[in-house]
Protein backbone atom coordinates (compact mmCIF):
# COMPACT_ATOMS: atom_id res chain seq x y z
CA UNK A 1 2.94 -14.49 -4.76
CA UNK A 2 2.48 -14.90 -1.02
CA UNK A 3 -0.97 -15.63 0.38
CA UNK A 4 -2.27 -15.25 3.93
CA UNK A 5 -5.64 -16.23 5.33
CA UNK A 6 -7.11 -13.51 7.56
CA UNK A 7 -8.79 -15.32 10.43
CA UNK A 8 -12.35 -14.34 11.32
CA UNK A 9 -12.82 -13.71 15.04
CA UNK A 10 -15.61 -13.10 17.51
CA UNK A 11 -14.84 -10.68 20.32
CA UNK A 12 -11.41 -9.25 21.12
CA UNK A 13 -8.48 -10.79 19.21
CA UNK A 14 -6.68 -13.65 20.91
CA UNK A 15 -3.34 -13.18 19.19
CA UNK A 16 -2.11 -16.59 20.35
CA UNK A 17 -4.66 -18.12 17.96
CA UNK A 18 -4.04 -15.84 14.94
CA UNK A 19 -1.64 -17.11 12.22
CA UNK A 20 1.62 -15.21 11.79
CA UNK A 21 3.22 -14.08 8.55
CA UNK A 22 6.94 -13.39 8.35
CA UNK A 23 8.14 -10.16 6.77
CA UNK A 24 11.22 -12.02 5.59
CA UNK A 25 12.40 -10.53 2.29
CA UNK A 26 15.52 -8.43 2.95
CA UNK A 27 16.04 -6.09 -0.01
CA UNK A 28 18.38 -3.39 -1.34
CA UNK A 29 20.70 -3.28 1.71
CA UNK A 30 22.65 -5.92 3.65
CA UNK A 31 20.96 -7.93 6.39
CA UNK A 32 21.46 -6.15 9.75
CA UNK A 33 19.58 -8.71 11.82
CA UNK A 34 16.26 -6.85 12.10
CA UNK A 35 13.21 -9.11 11.88
CA UNK A 36 9.46 -8.52 11.71
CA UNK A 37 6.24 -10.51 11.74
CA UNK A 38 2.60 -9.57 11.47
CA UNK A 39 -0.80 -10.98 12.38
CA UNK A 40 -4.14 -9.92 10.91
CA UNK A 41 -7.71 -10.90 11.79
CA UNK A 42 -11.17 -9.42 11.25
CA UNK A 43 -14.81 -9.22 12.23
CA UNK A 44 -17.75 -7.31 10.79
CA UNK A 45 -16.49 -4.04 12.29
CA UNK A 46 -12.94 -3.98 10.98
CA UNK A 47 -9.47 -5.42 10.43
CA UNK A 48 -7.22 -5.95 13.47
CA UNK A 49 -3.45 -5.73 13.07
CA UNK A 50 -0.52 -6.76 15.27
CA UNK A 51 3.02 -6.02 14.08
CA UNK A 52 6.16 -6.91 16.01
CA UNK A 53 9.84 -6.54 15.27
CA UNK A 54 13.25 -7.41 16.66
CA UNK A 55 15.28 -4.21 16.50
CA UNK A 56 18.04 -3.12 18.88
CA UNK A 57 18.81 0.42 17.76
CA UNK A 58 15.37 2.03 17.72
CA UNK A 59 14.90 5.54 16.35
CA UNK A 60 11.67 7.31 17.38
CA UNK A 61 11.97 11.05 16.74
CA UNK A 62 8.63 11.95 15.19
CA UNK A 63 5.58 12.66 17.34
CA UNK A 64 3.34 14.78 15.08
CA UNK A 65 0.64 13.02 13.01
CA UNK A 66 1.41 12.47 9.31
CA UNK A 67 5.17 12.94 9.82
CA UNK A 68 7.76 11.10 7.69
CA UNK A 69 7.87 8.17 10.08
CA UNK A 70 9.66 6.02 7.48
CA UNK A 71 12.81 7.85 8.59
CA UNK A 72 12.34 6.45 12.11
CA UNK A 73 12.09 2.80 13.02
CA UNK A 74 8.89 2.06 11.13
CA UNK A 75 6.47 -0.77 10.42
CA UNK A 76 4.03 -0.45 7.53
CA UNK A 77 0.92 -2.11 6.13
CA UNK A 78 -0.39 -1.26 2.64
CA UNK A 79 -3.98 -2.44 2.12
CA UNK A 80 -5.74 -2.51 -1.27
CA UNK A 81 -9.31 -1.27 -1.10
CA UNK A 82 -9.97 -2.55 -4.65
CA UNK A 83 -9.14 -6.11 -5.67
CA UNK A 84 -6.98 -4.86 -8.55
CA UNK A 85 -4.95 -2.74 -6.06
CA UNK A 86 -5.64 0.36 -8.15
CA UNK A 87 -6.07 2.25 -4.89
CA UNK A 88 -4.64 1.34 -1.52
CA UNK A 89 -4.21 2.75 1.97
CA UNK A 90 -0.69 2.96 3.36
CA UNK A 91 -0.32 2.89 7.16
CA UNK A 92 3.15 3.70 8.48
CA UNK A 93 3.87 3.78 12.23
CA UNK A 94 6.87 4.50 14.46
CA UNK A 95 7.40 3.35 18.07
CA UNK A 96 5.69 6.51 19.38
CA UNK A 97 2.49 5.54 17.60
CA UNK A 98 3.04 8.49 15.28
CA UNK A 99 1.21 7.50 12.10
CA UNK A 100 1.30 8.49 8.46
CA UNK A 101 -1.70 7.32 6.42
CA UNK A 102 -2.66 8.08 2.83
CA UNK A 103 -4.95 6.92 0.06
CA UNK A 104 -2.69 6.15 -2.90
CA UNK A 105 -2.66 5.11 -6.52
CA UNK A 106 1.15 5.15 -6.47
CA UNK A 107 3.93 7.06 -4.73
CA UNK A 108 3.31 10.31 -6.58
CA UNK A 109 -0.49 10.31 -6.36
CA UNK A 110 -1.66 10.19 -2.76
CA UNK A 111 -4.00 12.00 -0.37
CA UNK A 112 -3.26 12.18 3.35
CA UNK A 113 -6.07 10.73 5.45
CA UNK A 114 -7.38 11.80 8.86
CA UNK A 115 -5.97 14.66 10.95
CA UNK A 116 -4.62 12.10 13.44
CA UNK A 117 -4.66 8.52 12.13
CA UNK A 118 -3.50 7.24 15.54
CA UNK A 119 -6.89 8.16 17.01
CA UNK A 120 -8.88 6.70 14.11
CA UNK A 121 -6.98 3.42 14.35
CA UNK A 122 -6.95 3.27 18.18
CA UNK A 123 -3.18 2.77 17.94
CA UNK A 124 -1.23 1.15 20.79
CA UNK A 125 2.54 0.62 20.85
CA UNK A 126 4.84 -1.20 23.28
CA UNK A 127 8.58 -1.53 23.70
CA UNK A 128 9.57 -5.17 24.12
CA UNK A 129 12.69 -6.85 25.44
CA UNK A 130 14.23 -7.07 21.97
CA UNK A 131 12.32 -4.44 19.95
CA UNK A 132 8.80 -3.04 19.76
CA UNK A 133 5.27 -3.88 18.66
CA UNK A 134 2.02 -2.20 17.76
CA UNK A 135 -1.68 -2.96 17.65
CA UNK A 136 -4.46 -1.19 15.77
CA UNK A 137 -7.83 -1.63 14.10
CA UNK A 138 -8.84 -0.39 10.64
CA UNK A 139 -12.60 0.32 10.89
CA UNK A 140 -14.73 -1.19 8.12
CA UNK A 141 -16.75 2.02 8.07
CA UNK A 142 -13.59 3.97 7.22
CA UNK A 143 -12.67 1.65 4.35
CA UNK A 144 -16.22 1.93 3.03
CA UNK A 145 -15.89 5.72 2.90
CA UNK A 146 -12.99 5.19 0.49
CA UNK A 147 -14.75 2.44 -1.47
CA UNK A 148 -18.50 2.06 -0.78
CA UNK A 149 -18.39 -1.48 -2.22
CA UNK A 150 -15.72 -2.68 0.22
CA UNK A 151 -17.17 -5.51 2.33
CA UNK A 152 -15.58 -7.77 4.92
CA UNK A 153 -17.02 -11.08 3.67
CA UNK A 154 -15.59 -14.58 3.57
CA UNK A 155 -13.53 -15.27 0.45
CA UNK A 156 -12.77 -11.62 -0.27
CA UNK A 157 -9.25 -11.04 -1.64
CA UNK A 158 -7.39 -8.02 -0.31
CA UNK A 159 -4.13 -7.13 -2.10
CA UNK A 160 -1.60 -6.07 0.51
CA UNK A 161 2.02 -5.94 1.59
CA UNK A 162 3.80 -5.49 4.91
CA UNK A 163 7.08 -3.67 5.44
CA UNK A 164 9.80 -2.74 7.91
CA UNK A 165 12.18 0.16 7.29
CA UNK A 166 14.17 2.91 8.97
CA UNK A 167 15.82 5.35 6.59
CA UNK A 168 17.68 7.35 9.25
CA UNK A 169 18.22 4.62 11.82
CA UNK A 170 21.70 3.50 12.88
CA UNK A 171 21.13 0.42 10.73
CA UNK A 172 19.08 1.39 7.64
CA UNK A 173 17.07 -1.58 6.38
CA UNK A 174 14.23 -2.68 4.09
CA UNK A 175 12.11 -5.76 4.71
CA UNK A 176 8.88 -6.85 3.02
CA UNK A 177 6.42 -9.75 3.11
CA UNK A 178 5.78 -10.15 -0.62
CA UNK A 179 8.93 -9.78 -2.72
CA UNK A 180 9.46 -6.50 -4.60
CA UNK A 181 11.42 -6.70 -7.85
CA UNK A 182 12.57 -3.10 -8.23
CA UNK A 183 16.20 -2.03 -8.47
CA UNK A 184 15.75 0.83 -5.96
CA UNK A 185 13.75 0.90 -2.71
CA UNK A 186 10.06 1.47 -3.46
CA UNK A 187 7.26 0.12 -1.30
CA UNK A 188 4.62 1.90 -3.39
CA UNK A 189 4.49 -0.91 -5.94
CA UNK A 190 1.01 -2.46 -5.84
CA UNK A 191 1.89 -4.87 -8.65
CA UNK A 192 4.06 -6.63 -6.04
CA UNK A 193 1.36 -6.90 -3.38
CA UNK A 194 0.54 -10.34 -2.03
CA UNK A 195 -2.97 -11.73 -1.49
CA UNK A 196 -4.78 -11.70 1.84
CA UNK A 197 -7.99 -13.74 1.83
CA UNK A 198 -10.78 -13.38 4.39
CA UNK A 199 -11.58 -16.69 6.06
C-alpha cells in the first residue's frame, strides 16, 4: 500500500516545497504515454491539491457542473472522510474546471454534492506546454459537514487514491496512484485506497 505524507503549511502553498506523488500504475489498457503527478498539503482551513498531467490529445467537451467528466481528459482524487474508507468524496475534473463531486460508499451508492463544485473548491485550471494542470482547495468545514468528527490534525490517516482517465479521448487510458486489483476498470474501490498521513 502506498503512503504519502501531507505536508502542513502556513500561508499560501509553495508548491516547489510540497512532495510529489506519481500516479504511475497503468491499468487495463496499453500505455499511451500519458503521465500524471499530484501534490497535497494542508492547514487548519482545508486540504490543497495540485494535479498535473502530460497529455497531448486533450478532450474537454463538458462545461456544466456534475457532468460525466470522466469521458473527457480527467484527473480525479478520491478522499476518505472516515479512516475505514466506508464513505469517501470523489472529485473528478476536466481541463475546463468542470467538476463532478459525490459522497460515495461505492459506485452504486452515491449522492452528488454541491450545485457547482468548482465554486466550492475555488477550482483553477491551466493548459501547459505538454498537458494541463489544476489547483483547488477542499474546505475543512465542508468535510466536517459530511463527517462532524473529521479533523485536520497531525498523524491523521486519510484513505485516498488519485487517478487519470479519459474514456472518450483519442487515447483512452487509466492511471492510478495506489494499485487496483480488479479485472475491469473501477476506481470506486476503497479497499484499494492508499494512505495519506497528515504531517
